[in-house]
Protein backbone atom coordinates (compact mmCIF):
# COMPACT_ATOMS: atom_id res chain seq x y z
CA MET A 1 20.58 4.83 -2.35
CA ASN A 2 21.08 1.49 -3.52
CA ASN A 3 19.60 -0.18 -6.87
CA MET A 4 16.91 -2.04 -5.33
CA GLU A 5 15.66 1.13 -3.57
CA GLU A 6 15.47 2.71 -6.94
CA LEU A 7 14.13 -0.17 -8.62
CA LYS A 8 10.78 -0.68 -5.91
CA ASP A 9 10.25 3.24 -6.02
CA PRO A 10 11.13 5.43 -8.52
CA VAL A 11 8.88 8.07 -8.35
CA LYS A 12 9.07 8.72 -4.62
CA ASN A 13 13.05 8.19 -5.36
CA SER A 14 12.89 10.69 -7.64
CA GLU A 15 14.48 14.67 -7.21
CA LEU A 16 11.15 15.73 -8.30
CA HIS A 17 9.31 13.90 -5.69
CA LYS A 18 11.52 15.00 -3.12
CA ASN A 19 11.04 18.19 -3.63
CA ALA A 20 7.58 18.27 -4.33
CA LYS A 21 6.78 21.09 -2.21
CA ASN A 22 8.22 23.01 -4.80
CA CYS A 23 6.55 21.39 -7.44
CA PRO A 24 3.55 23.86 -9.00
CA GLU A 25 -0.18 23.06 -8.61
CA GLY A 26 -1.00 19.53 -9.72
CA CYS A 27 2.33 18.14 -9.90
CA TYR A 28 2.80 15.88 -6.74
CA GLU A 29 -0.77 14.78 -7.33
CA GLU A 30 0.83 13.61 -10.72
CA LEU A 31 3.23 12.01 -8.94
CA GLU A 32 1.35 10.33 -6.49
CA LYS A 33 -1.13 9.00 -9.22
CA LEU A 34 1.99 7.26 -10.91
CA LYS A 35 4.18 6.03 -7.77
CA LYS A 36 0.29 3.87 -7.50
CA GLU A 37 0.54 2.92 -10.53
CA TYR A 38 4.24 1.56 -10.61
CA GLN A 39 3.90 0.02 -7.50
CA SER A 40 0.29 -2.20 -8.65
CA GLN A 41 2.56 -3.18 -11.49
CA TYR A 42 5.62 -3.75 -9.96
CA ALA A 43 3.70 -6.00 -7.04
CA ASP A 44 2.20 -7.51 -10.32
CA ILE A 45 5.82 -8.46 -11.56
CA GLU A 46 6.91 -9.71 -7.98
CA SER A 47 3.96 -11.74 -7.96
CA LYS A 48 4.05 -13.45 -11.24
CA HIS A 49 7.64 -14.78 -10.45
CA LYS A 50 6.82 -15.47 -6.80
CA ASP A 51 7.88 -19.28 -7.14
CA PHE A 52 11.37 -18.32 -8.16
CA HIS A 53 13.59 -18.32 -5.23
CA GLY A 54 15.52 -15.29 -5.95
CA ARG A 55 14.90 -12.93 -8.75
CA ASP A 56 15.92 -14.31 -12.14
CA ASP A 57 16.47 -12.66 -15.48
CA ARG A 58 13.11 -12.44 -16.76
CA SER A 59 11.44 -10.90 -13.84
CA ALA A 60 14.83 -8.27 -13.12
CA LYS A 61 14.29 -7.17 -17.47
CA GLU A 62 10.69 -6.46 -16.91
CA LEU A 63 11.43 -4.78 -13.44
CA MET A 64 13.94 -2.90 -15.06
CA ASP A 65 11.73 -2.45 -18.11
CA LEU A 66 8.93 -0.88 -15.64
CA THR A 67 11.78 1.30 -14.28
CA ILE A 68 12.87 2.85 -17.12
CA ALA A 69 9.09 3.32 -18.49
CA PHE A 70 8.03 5.11 -15.52
CA ARG A 71 11.37 7.49 -15.22
CA LYS A 72 10.63 8.48 -19.03
CA ARG A 73 6.68 9.64 -17.35
CA ILE A 74 8.83 11.14 -14.45
CA LYS A 75 10.35 13.53 -17.09
CA THR A 76 7.12 13.66 -18.65
CA ILE A 77 6.17 15.27 -16.23
CA ARG A 78 8.89 17.37 -14.92
CA ASP A 79 8.87 18.51 -18.62
CA LYS A 80 5.13 19.85 -18.12
CA TYR A 81 5.41 21.39 -15.33
CA ASN A 82 9.24 22.74 -16.28
CA VAL A 83 10.90 21.86 -12.84
């Protein structure tokens, strides 16, 4: 998987989401909700920087910060369900 795929959707690409069939009840639903929230925020960042050709430093930093924040939330879900 390349970095852009992971930036585009860290929830979908997390090992926890890939193995959701084995997750305790409620875990998959939380991940799906988190995924939709991430996609919405990602789209907001992209639309805010749509006038730039390619990625600039500001949009790249915002996307990285967003991804890091969501990775932390994935870990929180993982810890909550002990998976």
